[in-house]
Amino acid sequence: MDKALLEILACPACKSSLQLNKDRQELICRGCRLAYPVRDDIPVMLTDEARELAADEEV
């Protein structure tokens, strides 16, 4: 994923910055503990598509 794009993206739920998890191909929001999928290098920034991070999952 392009670093410039990652810098301007924000969580649609809380507007926090996001971190890329390359292994899982997800954008992680630490604020609301959601993971947004990245499909074919396109971030899917829909809260309905995001998964909640498990309590023991590291962010």
PDB file of N, CA and C in Angstrom:
ATOM      1  N   MET A   1       0.846  -1.182   0.000  1.00  0.00           N
ATOM      2  CA  MET A   1       0.000   0.000   0.000  1.00  0.00           C
ATOM      3  C   MET A   1       0.885   1.236   0.000  1.00  0.00           C
ATOM      4  N   ASP A   2       0.467   2.218  -0.735  1.00  0.00           N
ATOM      5  CA  ASP A   2       1.197   3.471  -0.865  1.00  0.00           C
ATOM      6  C   ASP A   2       1.241   4.210   0.479  1.00  0.00           C
ATOM      7  N   LYS A   3       2.433   4.634   0.883  1.00  0.00           N
ATOM      8  CA  LYS A   3       2.597   5.322   2.174  1.00  0.00           C
ATOM      9  C   LYS A   3       1.845   6.649   2.212  1.00  0.00           C
ATOM     10  N   ALA A   4       1.802   7.359   1.095  1.00  0.00           N
ATOM     11  CA  ALA A   4       1.085   8.639   1.050  1.00  0.00           C
ATOM     12  C   ALA A   4      -0.405   8.427   1.295  1.00  0.00           C
ATOM     13  N   LEU A   5      -0.950   7.362   0.731  1.00  0.00           N
ATOM     14  CA  LEU A   5      -2.364   7.052   0.950  1.00  0.00           C
ATOM     15  C   LEU A   5      -2.613   6.696   2.415  1.00  0.00           C
ATOM     16  N   LEU A   6      -1.733   5.902   2.989  1.00  0.00           N
ATOM     17  CA  LEU A   6      -1.875   5.507   4.390  1.00  0.00           C
ATOM     18  C   LEU A   6      -1.849   6.721   5.316  1.00  0.00           C
ATOM     19  N   GLU A   7      -1.069   7.719   4.978  1.00  0.00           N
ATOM     20  CA  GLU A   7      -0.977   8.919   5.813  1.00  0.00           C
ATOM     21  C   GLU A   7      -2.260   9.751   5.806  1.00  0.00           C
ATOM     22  N   ILE A   8      -3.012   9.722   4.727  1.00  0.00           N
ATOM     23  CA  ILE A   8      -4.232  10.545   4.668  1.00  0.00           C
ATOM     24  C   ILE A   8      -5.490   9.788   5.085  1.00  0.00           C
ATOM     25  N   LEU A   9      -5.419   8.451   5.140  1.00  0.00           N
ATOM     26  CA  LEU A   9      -6.589   7.680   5.556  1.00  0.00           C
ATOM     27  C   LEU A   9      -6.816   7.812   7.057  1.00  0.00           C
ATOM     28  N   ALA A  10      -8.081   7.814   7.443  1.00  0.00           N
ATOM     29  CA  ALA A  10      -8.449   7.861   8.856  1.00  0.00           C
ATOM     30  C   ALA A  10      -9.595   6.888   9.081  1.00  0.00           C
ATOM     31  N   CYS A  11      -9.710   6.418  10.291  1.00  0.00           N
ATOM     32  CA  CYS A  11     -10.798   5.511  10.653  1.00  0.00           C
ATOM     33  C   CYS A  11     -12.132   6.234  10.452  1.00  0.00           C
ATOM     34  N   PRO A  12     -13.059   5.627   9.717  1.00  0.00           N
ATOM     35  CA  PRO A  12     -14.343   6.284   9.505  1.00  0.00           C
ATOM     36  C   PRO A  12     -15.191   6.376  10.783  1.00  0.00           C
ATOM     37  N   ALA A  13     -14.905   5.528  11.756  1.00  0.00           N
ATOM     38  CA  ALA A  13     -15.684   5.530  12.994  1.00  0.00           C
ATOM     39  C   ALA A  13     -15.236   6.613  13.972  1.00  0.00           C
ATOM     40  N   CYS A  14     -13.903   6.751  14.165  1.00  0.00           N
ATOM     41  CA  CYS A  14     -13.421   7.682  15.191  1.00  0.00           C
ATOM     42  C   CYS A  14     -12.427   8.718  14.667  1.00  0.00           C
ATOM     43  N   LYS A  15     -12.079   8.631  13.399  1.00  0.00           N
ATOM     44  CA  LYS A  15     -11.163   9.579  12.727  1.00  0.00           C
ATOM     45  C   LYS A  15      -9.710   9.482  13.192  1.00  0.00           C
ATOM     46  N   SER A  16      -9.342   8.390  13.851  1.00  0.00           N
ATOM     47  CA  SER A  16      -7.953   8.169  14.264  1.00  0.00           C
ATOM     48  C   SER A  16      -7.118   7.704  13.075  1.00  0.00           C
ATOM     49  N   SER A  17      -5.810   7.801  13.216  1.00  0.00           N
ATOM     50  CA  SER A  17      -4.919   7.301  12.169  1.00  0.00           C
ATOM     51  C   SER A  17      -4.938   5.772  12.182  1.00  0.00           C
ATOM     52  N   LEU A  18      -4.473   5.197  11.080  1.00  0.00           N
ATOM     53  CA  LEU A  18      -4.510   3.752  10.903  1.00  0.00           C
ATOM     54  C   LEU A  18      -3.106   3.205  10.716  1.00  0.00           C
ATOM     55  N   GLN A  19      -2.927   1.935  11.075  1.00  0.00           N
ATOM     56  CA  GLN A  19      -1.660   1.253  10.874  1.00  0.00           C
ATOM     57  C   GLN A  19      -1.901   0.053   9.974  1.00  0.00           C
ATOM     58  N   LEU A  20      -0.975  -0.190   9.083  1.00  0.00           N
ATOM     59  CA  LEU A  20      -1.080  -1.309   8.171  1.00  0.00           C
ATOM     60  C   LEU A  20      -0.511  -2.569   8.801  1.00  0.00           C
ATOM     61  N   ASN A  21      -1.285  -3.627   8.784  1.00  0.00           N
ATOM     62  CA  ASN A  21      -0.806  -4.953   9.167  1.00  0.00           C
ATOM     63  C   ASN A  21      -0.614  -5.706   7.852  1.00  0.00           C
ATOM     64  N   LYS A  22       0.633  -5.801   7.391  1.00  0.00           N
ATOM     65  CA  LYS A  22       0.925  -6.413   6.094  1.00  0.00           C
ATOM     66  C   LYS A  22       0.592  -7.896   6.075  1.00  0.00           C
ATOM     67  N   ASP A  23       0.827  -8.592   7.178  1.00  0.00           N
ATOM     68  CA  ASP A  23       0.576 -10.031   7.226  1.00  0.00           C
ATOM     69  C   ASP A  23      -0.900 -10.357   7.003  1.00  0.00           C
ATOM     70  N   ARG A  24      -1.772  -9.588   7.623  1.00  0.00           N
ATOM     71  CA  ARG A  24      -3.214  -9.854   7.523  1.00  0.00           C
ATOM     72  C   ARG A  24      -3.911  -9.010   6.460  1.00  0.00           C
ATOM     73  N   GLN A  25      -3.154  -8.091   5.836  1.00  0.00           N
ATOM     74  CA  GLN A  25      -3.719  -7.183   4.839  1.00  0.00           C
ATOM     75  C   GLN A  25      -4.924  -6.439   5.412  1.00  0.00           C
ATOM     76  N   GLU A  26      -4.658  -5.720   6.512  1.00  0.00           N
ATOM     77  CA  GLU A  26      -5.683  -4.949   7.210  1.00  0.00           C
ATOM     78  C   GLU A  26      -5.125  -3.613   7.646  1.00  0.00           C
ATOM     79  N   LEU A  27      -6.012  -2.642   7.773  1.00  0.00           N
ATOM     80  CA  LEU A  27      -5.688  -1.359   8.376  1.00  0.00           C
ATOM     81  C   LEU A  27      -6.277  -1.373   9.774  1.00  0.00           C
ATOM     82  N   ILE A  28      -5.444  -1.139  10.763  1.00  0.00           N
ATOM     83  CA  ILE A  28      -5.832  -1.261  12.167  1.00  0.00           C
ATOM     84  C   ILE A  28      -6.052   0.118  12.782  1.00  0.00           C
ATOM     85  N   CYS A  29      -7.180   0.269  13.467  1.00  0.00           N
ATOM     86  CA  CYS A  29      -7.455   1.468  14.247  1.00  0.00           C
ATOM     87  C   CYS A  29      -7.286   1.101  15.719  1.00  0.00           C
ATOM     88  N   ARG A  30      -6.323   1.730  16.369  1.00  0.00           N
ATOM     89  CA  ARG A  30      -6.110   1.469  17.801  1.00  0.00           C
ATOM     90  C   ARG A  30      -7.214   2.085  18.649  1.00  0.00           C
ATOM     91  N   GLY A  31      -7.760   3.201  18.187  1.00  0.00           N
ATOM     92  CA  GLY A  31      -8.768   3.914  18.962  1.00  0.00           C
ATOM     93  C   GLY A  31     -10.029   3.098  19.216  1.00  0.00           C
ATOM     94  N   CYS A  32     -10.601   2.544  18.163  1.00  0.00           N
ATOM     95  CA  CYS A  32     -11.851   1.787  18.346  1.00  0.00           C
ATOM     96  C   CYS A  32     -11.640   0.285  18.151  1.00  0.00           C
ATOM     97  N   ARG A  33     -10.371  -0.137  17.975  1.00  0.00           N
ATOM     98  CA  ARG A  33      -9.998  -1.545  17.870  1.00  0.00           C
ATOM     99  C   ARG A  33     -10.744  -2.263  16.746  1.00  0.00           C
ATOM    100  N   LEU A  34     -10.715  -1.620  15.566  1.00  0.00           N
ATOM    101  CA  LEU A  34     -11.294  -2.221  14.369  1.00  0.00           C
ATOM    102  C   LEU A  34     -10.192  -2.470  13.351  1.00  0.00           C
ATOM    103  N   ALA A  35     -10.392  -3.512  12.544  1.00  0.00           N
ATOM    104  CA  ALA A  35      -9.463  -3.839  11.464  1.00  0.00           C
ATOM    105  C   ALA A  35     -10.228  -3.803  10.149  1.00  0.00           C
ATOM    106  N   TYR A  36      -9.802  -2.915   9.263  1.00  0.00           N
ATOM    107  CA  TYR A  36     -10.435  -2.761   7.953  1.00  0.00           C
ATOM    108  C   TYR A  36      -9.653  -3.572   6.922  1.00  0.00           C
ATOM    109  N   PRO A  37     -10.316  -4.381   6.124  1.00  0.00           N
ATOM    110  CA  PRO A  37      -9.604  -5.214   5.152  1.00  0.00           C
ATOM    111  C   PRO A  37      -9.027  -4.388   4.001  1.00  0.00           C
ATOM    112  N   VAL A  38      -7.940  -4.906   3.441  1.00  0.00           N
ATOM    113  CA  VAL A  38      -7.352  -4.344   2.229  1.00  0.00           C
ATOM    114  C   VAL A  38      -7.441  -5.445   1.183  1.00  0.00           C
ATOM    115  N   ARG A  39      -8.204  -5.195   0.132  1.00  0.00           N
ATOM    116  CA  ARG A  39      -8.408  -6.196  -0.924  1.00  0.00           C
ATOM    117  C   ARG A  39      -7.840  -5.669  -2.236  1.00  0.00           C
ATOM    118  N   ASP A  40      -6.915  -6.416  -2.815  1.00  0.00           N
ATOM    119  CA  ASP A  40      -6.265  -6.014  -4.071  1.00  0.00           C
ATOM    120  C   ASP A  40      -5.686  -4.601  -3.969  1.00  0.00           C
ATOM    121  N   ASP A  41      -5.029  -4.324  -2.840  1.00  0.00           N
ATOM    122  CA  ASP A  41      -4.404  -3.021  -2.550  1.00  0.00           C
ATOM    123  C   ASP A  41      -5.402  -1.876  -2.419  1.00  0.00           C
ATOM    124  N   ILE A  42      -6.675  -2.197  -2.217  1.00  0.00           N
ATOM    125  CA  ILE A  42      -7.703  -1.175  -2.028  1.00  0.00           C
ATOM    126  C   ILE A  42      -8.275  -1.315  -0.626  1.00  0.00           C
ATOM    127  N   PRO A  43      -8.131  -0.287   0.221  1.00  0.00           N
ATOM    128  CA  PRO A  43      -8.696  -0.364   1.572  1.00  0.00           C
ATOM    129  C   PRO A  43     -10.220  -0.269   1.530  1.00  0.00           C
ATOM    130  N   VAL A  44     -10.858  -1.169   2.245  1.00  0.00           N
ATOM    131  CA  VAL A  44     -12.319  -1.179   2.343  1.00  0.00           C
ATOM    132  C   VAL A  44     -12.680  -0.467   3.644  1.00  0.00           C
ATOM    133  N   MET A  45     -12.993   0.818   3.539  1.00  0.00           N
ATOM    134  CA  MET A  45     -13.187   1.665   4.712  1.00  0.00           C
ATOM    135  C   MET A  45     -14.664   1.760   5.107  1.00  0.00           C
ATOM    136  N   LEU A  46     -15.287   0.615   5.267  1.00  0.00           N
ATOM    137  CA  LEU A  46     -16.685   0.535   5.692  1.00  0.00           C
ATOM    138  C   LEU A  46     -16.732  -0.139   7.052  1.00  0.00           C
ATOM    139  N   THR A  47     -17.396   0.475   8.010  1.00  0.00           N
ATOM    140  CA  THR A  47     -17.456  -0.120   9.351  1.00  0.00           C
ATOM    141  C   THR A  47     -18.166  -1.469   9.326  1.00  0.00           C
ATOM    142  N   ASP A  48     -19.078  -1.657   8.384  1.00  0.00           N
ATOM    143  CA  ASP A  48     -19.762  -2.954   8.271  1.00  0.00           C
ATOM    144  C   ASP A  48     -18.815  -4.069   7.816  1.00  0.00           C
ATOM    145  N   GLU A  49     -17.745  -3.707   7.134  1.00  0.00           N
ATOM    146  CA  GLU A  49     -16.765  -4.681   6.646  1.00  0.00           C
ATOM    147  C   GLU A  49     -15.629  -4.909   7.644  1.00  0.00           C
ATOM    148  N   ALA A  50     -15.492  -4.048   8.631  1.00  0.00           N
ATOM    149  CA  ALA A  50     -14.403  -4.154   9.602  1.00  0.00           C
ATOM    150  C   ALA A  50     -14.693  -5.260  10.610  1.00  0.00           C
ATOM    151  N   ARG A  51     -13.607  -5.814  11.126  1.00  0.00           N
ATOM    152  CA  ARG A  51     -13.764  -6.810  12.199  1.00  0.00           C
ATOM    153  C   ARG A  51     -13.239  -6.197  13.491  1.00  0.00           C
ATOM    154  N   GLU A  52     -13.838  -6.609  14.589  1.00  0.00           N
ATOM    155  CA  GLU A  52     -13.378  -6.155  15.899  1.00  0.00           C
ATOM    156  C   GLU A  52     -12.150  -6.976  16.282  1.00  0.00           C
ATOM    157  N   LEU A  53     -11.165  -6.293  16.829  1.00  0.00           N
ATOM    158  CA  LEU A  53      -9.969  -6.995  17.297  1.00  0.00           C
ATOM    159  C   LEU A  53     -10.274  -7.730  18.584  1.00  0.00           C
ATOM    160  N   ALA A  54      -9.720  -8.906  18.723  1.00  0.00           N
ATOM    161  CA  ALA A  54      -9.883  -9.690  19.946  1.00  0.00           C
ATOM    162  C   ALA A  54      -9.178  -8.983  21.101  1.00  0.00           C
ATOM    163  N   ALA A  55      -9.635  -9.243  22.310  1.00  0.00           N
ATOM    164  CA  ALA A  55      -9.078  -8.593  23.498  1.00  0.00           C
ATOM    165  C   ALA A  55      -7.585  -8.872  23.641  1.00  0.00           C
ATOM    166  N   ASP A  56      -7.148 -10.069  23.256  1.00  0.00           N
ATOM    167  CA  ASP A  56      -5.736 -10.435  23.411  1.00  0.00           C
ATOM    168  C   ASP A  56      -4.912 -10.155  22.150  1.00  0.00           C
ATOM    169  N   GLU A  57      -5.548  -9.595  21.133  1.00  0.00           N
ATOM    170  CA  GLU A  57      -4.853  -9.323  19.876  1.00  0.00           C
ATOM    171  C   GLU A  57      -4.036  -8.047  19.992  1.00  0.00           C
ATOM    172  N   GLU A  58      -2.786  -8.136  19.605  1.00  0.00           N
ATOM    173  CA  GLU A  58      -1.870  -6.993  19.688  1.00  0.00           C
ATOM    174  C   GLU A  58      -2.121  -6.021  18.539  1.00  0.00           C
ATOM    175  N   VAL A  59      -2.092  -4.730  18.860  1.00  0.00           N
ATOM    176  CA  VAL A  59      -2.250  -3.697  17.824  1.00  0.00           C
ATOM    177  C   VAL A  59      -1.038  -2.845  17.705  1.00  0.00           C
TER     178      VAL A  59
END
